[in-house]
Amino acid sequence: MKNYLWFILASIAEIAGCFAFWAWLRLGRSALWTIPGMLSLALFAFALTKVDLPQNVAGRAYAAYGGIYITASLIWLWLAEGVQPTKWDWIGASICLLGMSIILLGSKFA
């Protein structure tokens, strides 16, 4: 369960950090937006190091994280950008979450 919390924190930090650069480069906001953006991206990287997986491998953590990131991105789309995800978005995210759970749970038996 703790892994999922780290993944959720990582996804929020990554999306917020990337959005800061999006706001600067695509929405014409001040370059100062990149300062909290970089801090947020550092928090993202830190959070991923806290994921506890057998064999202590980064690649598996990154792969499993993908499902949470995709779902969090759709929530960001909805809450921050005001665009409601389609049923196809949610179906795709559900498939990714299933895959992510298989990676996490399967790694305990490998």
PDB file of N, CA and C in Angstrom:
ATOM      1  N   MET A   1       0.825  -1.199   0.000  1.00  0.00           N
ATOM      2  CA  MET A   1       0.000   0.000   0.000  1.00  0.00           C
ATOM      3  C   MET A   1       0.867   1.261   0.000  1.00  0.00           C
ATOM      4  N   LYS A   2       1.996   1.180   0.715  1.00  0.00           N
ATOM      5  CA  LYS A   2       2.883   2.336   0.781  1.00  0.00           C
ATOM      6  C   LYS A   2       3.426   2.698  -0.600  1.00  0.00           C
ATOM      7  N   ASN A   3       3.688   1.671  -1.423  1.00  0.00           N
ATOM      8  CA  ASN A   3       4.174   1.938  -2.780  1.00  0.00           C
ATOM      9  C   ASN A   3       3.190   2.800  -3.550  1.00  0.00           C
ATOM     10  N   TYR A   4       1.905   2.500  -3.425  1.00  0.00           N
ATOM     11  CA  TYR A   4       0.895   3.270  -4.151  1.00  0.00           C
ATOM     12  C   TYR A   4       0.894   4.730  -3.708  1.00  0.00           C
ATOM     13  N   LEU A   5       1.096   4.971  -2.419  1.00  0.00           N
ATOM     14  CA  LEU A   5       1.149   6.354  -1.926  1.00  0.00           C
ATOM     15  C   LEU A   5       2.356   7.093  -2.495  1.00  0.00           C
ATOM     16  N   TRP A   6       3.496   6.404  -2.579  1.00  0.00           N
ATOM     17  CA  TRP A   6       4.680   7.032  -3.182  1.00  0.00           C
ATOM     18  C   TRP A   6       4.448   7.313  -4.655  1.00  0.00           C
ATOM     19  N   PHE A   7       3.790   6.367  -5.341  1.00  0.00           N
ATOM     20  CA  PHE A   7       3.473   6.579  -6.751  1.00  0.00           C
ATOM     21  C   PHE A   7       2.527   7.768  -6.938  1.00  0.00           C
ATOM     22  N   ILE A   8       1.545   7.898  -6.072  1.00  0.00           N
ATOM     23  CA  ILE A   8       0.599   9.016  -6.172  1.00  0.00           C
ATOM     24  C   ILE A   8       1.319  10.342  -5.946  1.00  0.00           C
ATOM     25  N   LEU A   9       2.165  10.402  -4.909  1.00  0.00           N
ATOM     26  CA  LEU A   9       2.939  11.620  -4.666  1.00  0.00           C
ATOM     27  C   LEU A   9       3.831  11.928  -5.869  1.00  0.00           C
ATOM     28  N   ALA A  10       4.481  10.913  -6.411  1.00  0.00           N
ATOM     29  CA  ALA A  10       5.357  11.109  -7.573  1.00  0.00           C
ATOM     30  C   ALA A  10       4.566  11.658  -8.750  1.00  0.00           C
ATOM     31  N   SER A  11       3.374  11.121  -8.979  1.00  0.00           N
ATOM     32  CA  SER A  11       2.599  11.573 -10.133  1.00  0.00           C
ATOM     33  C   SER A  11       2.144  13.022  -9.984  1.00  0.00           C
ATOM     34  N   ILE A  12       1.724  13.393  -8.796  1.00  0.00           N
ATOM     35  CA  ILE A  12       1.321  14.781  -8.571  1.00  0.00           C
ATOM     36  C   ILE A  12       2.508  15.715  -8.785  1.00  0.00           C
ATOM     37  N   ALA A  13       3.660  15.336  -8.233  1.00  0.00           N
ATOM     38  CA  ALA A  13       4.857  16.176  -8.366  1.00  0.00           C
ATOM     39  C   ALA A  13       5.316  16.255  -9.820  1.00  0.00           C
ATOM     40  N   GLU A  14       5.286  15.138 -10.539  1.00  0.00           N
ATOM     41  CA  GLU A  14       5.734  15.166 -11.929  1.00  0.00           C
ATOM     42  C   GLU A  14       4.800  16.000 -12.801  1.00  0.00           C
ATOM     43  N   ILE A  15       3.509  15.793 -12.636  1.00  0.00           N
ATOM     44  CA  ILE A  15       2.557  16.542 -13.460  1.00  0.00           C
ATOM     45  C   ILE A  15       2.642  18.032 -13.160  1.00  0.00           C
ATOM     46  N   ALA A  16       2.719  18.392 -11.890  1.00  0.00           N
ATOM     47  CA  ALA A  16       2.824  19.809 -11.528  1.00  0.00           C
ATOM     48  C   ALA A  16       4.119  20.414 -12.075  1.00  0.00           C
ATOM     49  N   GLY A  17       5.219  19.675 -11.964  1.00  0.00           N
ATOM     50  CA  GLY A  17       6.497  20.172 -12.471  1.00  0.00           C
ATOM     51  C   GLY A  17       6.490  20.343 -13.980  1.00  0.00           C
ATOM     52  N   CYS A  18       5.959  19.374 -14.671  1.00  0.00           N
ATOM     53  CA  CYS A  18       5.882  19.478 -16.133  1.00  0.00           C
ATOM     54  C   CYS A  18       4.917  20.572 -16.560  1.00  0.00           C
ATOM     55  N   PHE A  19       3.825  20.732 -15.829  1.00  0.00           N
ATOM     56  CA  PHE A  19       2.865  21.778 -16.176  1.00  0.00           C
ATOM     57  C   PHE A  19       3.487  23.165 -16.019  1.00  0.00           C
ATOM     58  N   ALA A  20       4.378  23.321 -15.039  1.00  0.00           N
ATOM     59  CA  ALA A  20       5.046  24.616 -14.867  1.00  0.00           C
ATOM     60  C   ALA A  20       5.811  24.996 -16.134  1.00  0.00           C
ATOM     61  N   PHE A  21       6.491  24.025 -16.730  1.00  0.00           N
ATOM     62  CA  PHE A  21       7.197  24.293 -17.979  1.00  0.00           C
ATOM     63  C   PHE A  21       6.215  24.500 -19.137  1.00  0.00           C
ATOM     64  N   TRP A  22       5.129  23.764 -19.155  1.00  0.00           N
ATOM     65  CA  TRP A  22       4.081  23.932 -20.164  1.00  0.00           C
ATOM     66  C   TRP A  22       3.527  25.355 -20.081  1.00  0.00           C
ATOM     67  N   ALA A  23       3.258  25.791 -18.847  1.00  0.00           N
ATOM     68  CA  ALA A  23       2.707  27.143 -18.650  1.00  0.00           C
ATOM     69  C   ALA A  23       3.679  28.203 -19.165  1.00  0.00           C
ATOM     70  N   TRP A  24       4.954  28.011 -18.925  1.00  0.00           N
ATOM     71  CA  TRP A  24       5.963  28.968 -19.378  1.00  0.00           C
ATOM     72  C   TRP A  24       6.082  28.962 -20.901  1.00  0.00           C
ATOM     73  N   LEU A  25       6.268  27.775 -21.467  1.00  0.00           N
ATOM     74  CA  LEU A  25       6.586  27.688 -22.894  1.00  0.00           C
ATOM     75  C   LEU A  25       5.364  27.671 -23.818  1.00  0.00           C
ATOM     76  N   ARG A  26       4.226  27.218 -23.337  1.00  0.00           N
ATOM     77  CA  ARG A  26       3.057  27.110 -24.210  1.00  0.00           C
ATOM     78  C   ARG A  26       1.953  28.103 -23.867  1.00  0.00           C
ATOM     79  N   LEU A  27       1.915  28.540 -22.605  1.00  0.00           N
ATOM     80  CA  LEU A  27       0.849  29.456 -22.198  1.00  0.00           C
ATOM     81  C   LEU A  27       1.337  30.878 -21.972  1.00  0.00           C
ATOM     82  N   GLY A  28       2.626  31.119 -22.212  1.00  0.00           N
ATOM     83  CA  GLY A  28       3.170  32.460 -22.114  1.00  0.00           C
ATOM     84  C   GLY A  28       3.342  32.989 -20.700  1.00  0.00           C
ATOM     85  N   ARG A  29       3.407  32.112 -19.724  1.00  0.00           N
ATOM     86  CA  ARG A  29       3.621  32.549 -18.346  1.00  0.00           C
ATOM     87  C   ARG A  29       5.092  32.866 -18.120  1.00  0.00           C
ATOM     88  N   SER A  30       5.371  33.494 -17.015  1.00  0.00           N
ATOM     89  CA  SER A  30       6.735  33.887 -16.663  1.00  0.00           C
ATOM     90  C   SER A  30       7.658  32.667 -16.547  1.00  0.00           C
ATOM     91  N   ALA A  31       8.915  32.882 -16.892  1.00  0.00           N
ATOM     92  CA  ALA A  31       9.923  31.826 -16.726  1.00  0.00           C
ATOM     93  C   ALA A  31      10.109  31.465 -15.256  1.00  0.00           C
ATOM     94  N   LEU A  32       9.658  32.317 -14.361  1.00  0.00           N
ATOM     95  CA  LEU A  32       9.747  32.022 -12.931  1.00  0.00           C
ATOM     96  C   LEU A  32       8.930  30.793 -12.547  1.00  0.00           C
ATOM     97  N   TRP A  33       7.988  30.428 -13.385  1.00  0.00           N
ATOM     98  CA  TRP A  33       7.212  29.206 -13.141  1.00  0.00           C
ATOM     99  C   TRP A  33       8.120  27.980 -13.107  1.00  0.00           C
ATOM    100  N   THR A  34       9.278  28.056 -13.742  1.00  0.00           N
ATOM    101  CA  THR A  34      10.158  26.896 -13.789  1.00  0.00           C
ATOM    102  C   THR A  34      10.826  26.613 -12.440  1.00  0.00           C
ATOM    103  N   ILE A  35      10.892  27.598 -11.574  1.00  0.00           N
ATOM    104  CA  ILE A  35      11.536  27.370 -10.266  1.00  0.00           C
ATOM    105  C   ILE A  35      10.735  26.364  -9.437  1.00  0.00           C
ATOM    106  N   PRO A  36       9.452  26.614  -9.173  1.00  0.00           N
ATOM    107  CA  PRO A  36       8.699  25.568  -8.457  1.00  0.00           C
ATOM    108  C   PRO A  36       8.561  24.294  -9.301  1.00  0.00           C
ATOM    109  N   GLY A  37       8.585  24.470 -10.633  1.00  0.00           N
ATOM    110  CA  GLY A  37       8.527  23.298 -11.495  1.00  0.00           C
ATOM    111  C   GLY A  37       9.717  22.373 -11.273  1.00  0.00           C
ATOM    112  N   MET A  38      10.902  22.934 -11.184  1.00  0.00           N
ATOM    113  CA  MET A  38      12.099  22.113 -10.960  1.00  0.00           C
ATOM    114  C   MET A  38      12.081  21.473  -9.569  1.00  0.00           C
ATOM    115  N   LEU A  39      11.609  22.217  -8.579  1.00  0.00           N
ATOM    116  CA  LEU A  39      11.501  21.640  -7.233  1.00  0.00           C
ATOM    117  C   LEU A  39      10.502  20.485  -7.221  1.00  0.00           C
ATOM    118  N   SER A  40       9.425  20.671  -7.925  1.00  0.00           N
ATOM    119  CA  SER A  40       8.419  19.626  -8.010  1.00  0.00           C
ATOM    120  C   SER A  40       8.965  18.384  -8.715  1.00  0.00           C
ATOM    121  N   LEU A  41       9.731  18.588  -9.770  1.00  0.00           N
ATOM    122  CA  LEU A  41      10.333  17.449 -10.469  1.00  0.00           C
ATOM    123  C   LEU A  41      11.370  16.736  -9.600  1.00  0.00           C
ATOM    124  N   ALA A  42      12.072  17.474  -8.751  1.00  0.00           N
ATOM    125  CA  ALA A  42      13.007  16.839  -7.813  1.00  0.00           C
ATOM    126  C   ALA A  42      12.240  15.990  -6.797  1.00  0.00           C
ATOM    127  N   LEU A  43      11.086  16.493  -6.333  1.00  0.00           N
ATOM    128  CA  LEU A  43      10.242  15.720  -5.417  1.00  0.00           C
ATOM    129  C   LEU A  43       9.750  14.447  -6.103  1.00  0.00           C
ATOM    130  N   PHE A  44       9.392  14.564  -7.371  1.00  0.00           N
ATOM    131  CA  PHE A  44       8.977  13.390  -8.150  1.00  0.00           C
ATOM    132  C   PHE A  44      10.073  12.329  -8.135  1.00  0.00           C
ATOM    133  N   ALA A  45      11.293  12.721  -8.453  1.00  0.00           N
ATOM    134  CA  ALA A  45      12.399  11.761  -8.506  1.00  0.00           C
ATOM    135  C   ALA A  45      12.650  11.145  -7.127  1.00  0.00           C
ATOM    136  N   PHE A  46      12.576  11.959  -6.089  1.00  0.00           N
ATOM    137  CA  PHE A  46      12.763  11.464  -4.725  1.00  0.00           C
ATOM    138  C   PHE A  46      11.693  10.424  -4.376  1.00  0.00           C
ATOM    139  N   ALA A  47      10.429  10.742  -4.688  1.00  0.00           N
ATOM    140  CA  ALA A  47       9.326   9.840  -4.343  1.00  0.00           C
ATOM    141  C   ALA A  47       9.503   8.474  -5.012  1.00  0.00           C
ATOM    142  N   LEU A  48       9.971   8.459  -6.253  1.00  0.00           N
ATOM    143  CA  LEU A  48      10.153   7.166  -6.927  1.00  0.00           C
ATOM    144  C   LEU A  48      11.250   6.329  -6.278  1.00  0.00           C
ATOM    145  N   THR A  49      12.226   6.969  -5.638  1.00  0.00           N
ATOM    146  CA  THR A  49      13.279   6.197  -4.969  1.00  0.00           C
ATOM    147  C   THR A  49      12.754   5.511  -3.715  1.00  0.00           C
ATOM    148  N   LYS A  50      11.593   5.915  -3.236  1.00  0.00           N
ATOM    149  CA  LYS A  50      11.027   5.348  -2.015  1.00  0.00           C
ATOM    150  C   LYS A  50      10.177   4.104  -2.263  1.00  0.00           C
ATOM    151  N   VAL A  51       9.943   3.780  -3.526  1.00  0.00           N
ATOM    152  CA  VAL A  51       9.156   2.593  -3.849  1.00  0.00           C
ATOM    153  C   VAL A  51       9.968   1.359  -3.478  1.00  0.00           C
ATOM    154  N   ASP A  52       9.325   0.449  -2.762  1.00  0.00           N
ATOM    155  CA  ASP A  52       9.995  -0.753  -2.281  1.00  0.00           C
ATOM    156  C   ASP A  52       9.636  -1.928  -3.185  1.00  0.00           C
ATOM    157  N   LEU A  53      10.617  -2.373  -3.963  1.00  0.00           N
ATOM    158  CA  LEU A  53      10.427  -3.506  -4.858  1.00  0.00           C
ATOM    159  C   LEU A  53      11.549  -4.507  -4.661  1.00  0.00           C
ATOM    160  N   PRO A  54      11.231  -5.799  -4.846  1.00  0.00           N
ATOM    161  CA  PRO A  54      12.299  -6.796  -4.774  1.00  0.00           C
ATOM    162  C   PRO A  54      13.381  -6.478  -5.804  1.00  0.00           C
ATOM    163  N   GLN A  55      14.587  -6.840  -5.503  1.00  0.00           N
ATOM    164  CA  GLN A  55      15.765  -6.656  -6.350  1.00  0.00           C
ATOM    165  C   GLN A  55      16.176  -5.189  -6.466  1.00  0.00           C
ATOM    166  N   ASN A  56      15.418  -4.279  -5.862  1.00  0.00           N
ATOM    167  CA  ASN A  56      15.793  -2.870  -5.829  1.00  0.00           C
ATOM    168  C   ASN A  56      16.178  -2.334  -7.212  1.00  0.00           C
ATOM    169  N   VAL A  57      15.302  -2.541  -8.202  1.00  0.00           N
ATOM    170  CA  VAL A  57      15.580  -2.113  -9.568  1.00  0.00           C
ATOM    171  C   VAL A  57      14.705  -0.930  -9.955  1.00  0.00           C
ATOM    172  N   ALA A  58      15.303   0.032 -10.601  1.00  0.00           N
ATOM    173  CA  ALA A  58      14.598   1.255 -10.970  1.00  0.00           C
ATOM    174  C   ALA A  58      13.612   1.029 -12.118  1.00  0.00           C
ATOM    175  N   GLY A  59      14.005   0.254 -13.109  1.00  0.00           N
ATOM    176  CA  GLY A  59      13.166   0.062 -14.285  1.00  0.00           C
ATOM    177  C   GLY A  59      11.789  -0.478 -13.958  1.00  0.00           C
ATOM    178  N   ARG A  60      11.711  -1.417 -13.030  1.00  0.00           N
ATOM    179  CA  ARG A  60      10.415  -1.974 -12.647  1.00  0.00           C
ATOM    180  C   ARG A  60       9.580  -0.928 -11.921  1.00  0.00           C
ATOM    181  N   ALA A  61      10.203  -0.112 -11.110  1.00  0.00           N
ATOM    182  CA  ALA A  61       9.474   0.964 -10.426  1.00  0.00           C
ATOM    183  C   ALA A  61       8.919   1.948 -11.444  1.00  0.00           C
ATOM    184  N   TYR A  62       9.717   2.294 -12.449  1.00  0.00           N
ATOM    185  CA  TYR A  62       9.257   3.238 -13.481  1.00  0.00           C
ATOM    186  C   TYR A  62       8.108   2.642 -14.290  1.00  0.00           C
ATOM    187  N   ALA A  63       8.216   1.361 -14.625  1.00  0.00           N
ATOM    188  CA  ALA A  63       7.173   0.706 -15.407  1.00  0.00           C
ATOM    189  C   ALA A  63       5.865   0.649 -14.618  1.00  0.00           C
ATOM    190  N   ALA A  64       5.949   0.272 -13.368  1.00  0.00           N
ATOM    191  CA  ALA A  64       4.742   0.190 -12.543  1.00  0.00           C
ATOM    192  C   ALA A  64       4.144   1.571 -12.317  1.00  0.00           C
ATOM    193  N   TYR A  65       4.968   2.560 -12.175  1.00  0.00           N
ATOM    194  CA  TYR A  65       4.517   3.933 -11.955  1.00  0.00           C
ATOM    195  C   TYR A  65       3.653   4.449 -13.110  1.00  0.00           C
ATOM    196  N   GLY A  66       3.886   3.939 -14.293  1.00  0.00           N
ATOM    197  CA  GLY A  66       3.170   4.409 -15.478  1.00  0.00           C
ATOM    198  C   GLY A  66       1.661   4.394 -15.332  1.00  0.00           C
ATOM    199  N   GLY A  67       1.105   3.368 -14.725  1.00  0.00           N
ATOM    200  CA  GLY A  67      -0.346   3.290 -14.556  1.00  0.00           C
ATOM    201  C   GLY A  67      -0.899   4.409 -13.696  1.00  0.00           C
ATOM    202  N   ILE A  68      -0.210   4.705 -12.621  1.00  0.00           N
ATOM    203  CA  ILE A  68      -0.636   5.801 -11.742  1.00  0.00           C
ATOM    204  C   ILE A  68      -0.486   7.131 -12.466  1.00  0.00           C
ATOM    205  N   TYR A  69       0.612   7.307 -13.188  1.00  0.00           N
ATOM    206  CA  TYR A  69       0.847   8.557 -13.905  1.00  0.00           C
ATOM    207  C   TYR A  69      -0.252   8.820 -14.932  1.00  0.00           C
ATOM    208  N   ILE A  70      -0.610   7.803 -15.679  1.00  0.00           N
ATOM    209  CA  ILE A  70      -1.648   7.967 -16.702  1.00  0.00           C
ATOM    210  C   ILE A  70      -2.973   8.356 -16.058  1.00  0.00           C
ATOM    211  N   THR A  71      -3.342   7.686 -14.992  1.00  0.00           N
ATOM    212  CA  THR A  71      -4.595   7.998 -14.302  1.00  0.00           C
ATOM    213  C   THR A  71      -4.552   9.408 -13.714  1.00  0.00           C
ATOM    214  N   ALA A  72      -3.449   9.764 -13.076  1.00  0.00           N
ATOM    215  CA  ALA A  72      -3.312  11.105 -12.495  1.00  0.00           C
ATOM    216  C   ALA A  72      -3.362  12.180 -13.576  1.00  0.00           C
ATOM    217  N   SER A  73      -2.808  11.886 -14.738  1.00  0.00           N
ATOM    218  CA  SER A  73      -2.846  12.852 -15.842  1.00  0.00           C
ATOM    219  C   SER A  73      -4.274  13.121 -16.292  1.00  0.00           C
ATOM    220  N   LEU A  74      -5.099  12.080 -16.313  1.00  0.00           N
ATOM    221  CA  LEU A  74      -6.507  12.272 -16.684  1.00  0.00           C
ATOM    222  C   LEU A  74      -7.256  13.062 -15.617  1.00  0.00           C
ATOM    223  N   ILE A  75      -6.925  12.828 -14.368  1.00  0.00           N
ATOM    224  CA  ILE A  75      -7.538  13.611 -13.284  1.00  0.00           C
ATOM    225  C   ILE A  75      -7.103  15.069 -13.394  1.00  0.00           C
ATOM    226  N   TRP A  76      -5.826  15.308 -13.714  1.00  0.00           N
ATOM    227  CA  TRP A  76      -5.333  16.680 -13.934  1.00  0.00           C
ATOM    228  C   TRP A  76      -6.087  17.336 -15.085  1.00  0.00           C
ATOM    229  N   LEU A  77      -6.246  16.601 -16.169  1.00  0.00           N
ATOM    230  CA  LEU A  77      -6.987  17.099 -17.330  1.00  0.00           C
ATOM    231  C   LEU A  77      -8.365  17.587 -16.910  1.00  0.00           C
ATOM    232  N   TRP A  78      -9.003  16.820 -16.059  1.00  0.00           N
ATOM    233  CA  TRP A  78     -10.363  17.123 -15.624  1.00  0.00           C
ATOM    234  C   TRP A  78     -10.401  18.279 -14.631  1.00  0.00           C
ATOM    235  N   LEU A  79      -9.586  18.186 -13.557  1.00  0.00           N
ATOM    236  CA  LEU A  79      -9.656  19.172 -12.478  1.00  0.00           C
ATOM    237  C   LEU A  79      -8.927  20.473 -12.779  1.00  0.00           C
ATOM    238  N   ALA A  80      -7.758  20.387 -13.386  1.00  0.00           N
ATOM    239  CA  ALA A  80      -6.948  21.591 -13.605  1.00  0.00           C
ATOM    240  C   ALA A  80      -7.248  22.269 -14.936  1.00  0.00           C
ATOM    241  N   GLU A  81      -7.575  21.457 -15.949  1.00  0.00           N
ATOM    242  CA  GLU A  81      -7.775  22.037 -17.272  1.00  0.00           C
ATOM    243  C   GLU A  81      -9.239  22.087 -17.703  1.00  0.00           C
ATOM    244  N   GLY A  82     -10.114  21.514 -16.890  1.00  0.00           N
ATOM    245  CA  GLY A  82     -11.539  21.605 -17.154  1.00  0.00           C
ATOM    246  C   GLY A  82     -12.047  20.787 -18.327  1.00  0.00           C
ATOM    247  N   VAL A  83     -11.284  19.766 -18.737  1.00  0.00           N
ATOM    248  CA  VAL A  83     -11.702  18.899 -19.839  1.00  0.00           C
ATOM    249  C   VAL A  83     -12.016  17.521 -19.258  1.00  0.00           C
ATOM    250  N   GLN A  84     -13.255  17.099 -19.419  1.00  0.00           N
ATOM    251  CA  GLN A  84     -13.648  15.810 -18.860  1.00  0.00           C
ATOM    252  C   GLN A  84     -13.127  14.663 -19.723  1.00  0.00           C
ATOM    253  N   PRO A  85     -12.405  13.726 -19.104  1.00  0.00           N
ATOM    254  CA  PRO A  85     -11.921  12.567 -19.859  1.00  0.00           C
ATOM    255  C   PRO A  85     -13.096  11.753 -20.405  1.00  0.00           C
ATOM    256  N   THR A  86     -12.862  11.097 -21.536  1.00  0.00           N
ATOM    257  CA  THR A  86     -13.887  10.260 -22.148  1.00  0.00           C
ATOM    258  C   THR A  86     -13.897   8.878 -21.493  1.00  0.00           C
ATOM    259  N   LYS A  87     -14.917   8.108 -21.829  1.00  0.00           N
ATOM    260  CA  LYS A  87     -14.954   6.737 -21.304  1.00  0.00           C
ATOM    261  C   LYS A  87     -13.758   5.942 -21.811  1.00  0.00           C
ATOM    262  N   TRP A  88     -13.282   6.265 -23.013  1.00  0.00           N
ATOM    263  CA  TRP A  88     -12.120   5.582 -23.564  1.00  0.00           C
ATOM    264  C   TRP A  88     -10.857   5.923 -22.785  1.00  0.00           C
ATOM    265  N   ASP A  89     -10.768   7.165 -22.323  1.00  0.00           N
ATOM    266  CA  ASP A  89      -9.641   7.551 -21.461  1.00  0.00           C
ATOM    267  C   ASP A  89      -9.636   6.692 -20.200  1.00  0.00           C
ATOM    268  N   TRP A  90     -10.807   6.558 -19.570  1.00  0.00           N
ATOM    269  CA  TRP A  90     -10.905   5.798 -18.318  1.00  0.00           C
ATOM    270  C   TRP A  90     -10.682   4.307 -18.545  1.00  0.00           C
ATOM    271  N   ILE A  91     -11.165   3.778 -19.669  1.00  0.00           N
ATOM    272  CA  ILE A  91     -10.922   2.367 -19.975  1.00  0.00           C
ATOM    273  C   ILE A  91      -9.422   2.137 -20.157  1.00  0.00           C
ATOM    274  N   GLY A  92      -8.766   3.012 -20.902  1.00  0.00           N
ATOM    275  CA  GLY A  92      -7.318   2.896 -21.102  1.00  0.00           C
ATOM    276  C   GLY A  92      -6.560   2.986 -19.788  1.00  0.00           C
ATOM    277  N   ALA A  93      -6.947   3.941 -18.934  1.00  0.00           N
ATOM    278  CA  ALA A  93      -6.283   4.084 -17.632  1.00  0.00           C
ATOM    279  C   ALA A  93      -6.498   2.845 -16.772  1.00  0.00           C
ATOM    280  N   SER A  94      -7.684   2.271 -16.829  1.00  0.00           N
ATOM    281  CA  SER A  94      -7.972   1.055 -16.049  1.00  0.00           C
ATOM    282  C   SER A  94      -7.082  -0.100 -16.486  1.00  0.00           C
ATOM    283  N   ILE A  95      -6.894  -0.228 -17.785  1.00  0.00           N
ATOM    284  CA  ILE A  95      -6.006  -1.276 -18.302  1.00  0.00           C
ATOM    285  C   ILE A  95      -4.579  -1.043 -17.812  1.00  0.00           C
ATOM    286  N   CYS A  96      -4.151   0.211 -17.823  1.00  0.00           N
ATOM    287  CA  CYS A  96      -2.799   0.542 -17.346  1.00  0.00           C
ATOM    288  C   CYS A  96      -2.651   0.245 -15.855  1.00  0.00           C
ATOM    289  N   LEU A  97      -3.688   0.547 -15.071  1.00  0.00           N
ATOM    290  CA  LEU A  97      -3.634   0.252 -13.633  1.00  0.00           C
ATOM    291  C   LEU A  97      -3.584  -1.254 -13.381  1.00  0.00           C
ATOM    292  N   LEU A  98      -4.306  -2.009 -14.190  1.00  0.00           N
ATOM    293  CA  LEU A  98      -4.239  -3.466 -14.069  1.00  0.00           C
ATOM    294  C   LEU A  98      -2.818  -3.944 -14.377  1.00  0.00           C
ATOM    295  N   GLY A  99      -2.240  -3.439 -15.445  1.00  0.00           N
ATOM    296  CA  GLY A  99      -0.874  -3.817 -15.796  1.00  0.00           C
ATOM    297  C   GLY A  99       0.115  -3.434 -14.717  1.00  0.00           C
ATOM    298  N   MET A 100      -0.060  -2.256 -14.158  1.00  0.00           N
ATOM    299  CA  MET A 100       0.822  -1.790 -13.098  1.00  0.00           C
ATOM    300  C   MET A 100       0.716  -2.688 -11.864  1.00  0.00           C
ATOM    301  N   SER A 101      -0.502  -3.103 -11.539  1.00  0.00           N
ATOM    302  CA  SER A 101      -0.698  -3.989 -10.386  1.00  0.00           C
ATOM    303  C   SER A 101      -0.064  -5.352 -10.628  1.00  0.00           C
ATOM    304  N   ILE A 102      -0.150  -5.846 -11.861  1.00  0.00           N
ATOM    305  CA  ILE A 102       0.496  -7.120 -12.191  1.00  0.00           C
ATOM    306  C   ILE A 102       2.005  -7.000 -12.014  1.00  0.00           C
ATOM    307  N   ILE A 103       2.580  -5.899 -12.460  1.00  0.00           N
ATOM    308  CA  ILE A 103       4.019  -5.701 -12.311  1.00  0.00           C
ATOM    309  C   ILE A 103       4.406  -5.684 -10.839  1.00  0.00           C
ATOM    310  N   LEU A 104       3.656  -4.925 -10.024  1.00  0.00           N
ATOM    311  CA  LEU A 104       3.994  -4.815  -8.604  1.00  0.00           C
ATOM    312  C   LEU A 104       3.806  -6.137  -7.876  1.00  0.00           C
ATOM    313  N   LEU A 105       2.655  -6.763  -8.072  1.00  0.00           N
ATOM    314  CA  LEU A 105       2.381  -8.004  -7.349  1.00  0.00           C
ATOM    315  C   LEU A 105       3.249  -9.146  -7.886  1.00  0.00           C
ATOM    316  N   GLY A 106       3.426  -9.192  -9.199  1.00  0.00           N
ATOM    317  CA  GLY A 106       4.241 -10.251  -9.788  1.00  0.00           C
ATOM    318  C   GLY A 106       5.697 -10.182  -9.364  1.00  0.00           C
ATOM    319  N   SER A 107       6.190  -8.977  -9.106  1.00  0.00           N
ATOM    320  CA  SER A 107       7.598  -8.852  -8.722  1.00  0.00           C
ATOM    321  C   SER A 107       7.870  -9.485  -7.351  1.00  0.00           C
ATOM    322  N   LYS A 108       6.822  -9.653  -6.558  1.00  0.00           N
ATOM    323  CA  LYS A 108       6.997 -10.288  -5.248  1.00  0.00           C
ATOM    324  C   LYS A 108       7.199 -11.799  -5.364  1.00  0.00           C
ATOM    325  N   PHE A 109       6.785 -12.367  -6.496  1.00  0.00           N
ATOM    326  CA  PHE A 109       6.882 -13.803  -6.699  1.00  0.00           C
ATOM    327  C   PHE A 109       8.013 -14.186  -7.640  1.00  0.00           C
ATOM    328  N   ALA A 110       8.646 -13.205  -8.228  1.00  0.00           N
ATOM    329  CA  ALA A 110       9.707 -13.485  -9.219  1.00  0.00           C
ATOM    330  C   ALA A 110      10.978 -13.977  -8.542  1.00  0.00           C
TER     331      ALA A 110
END
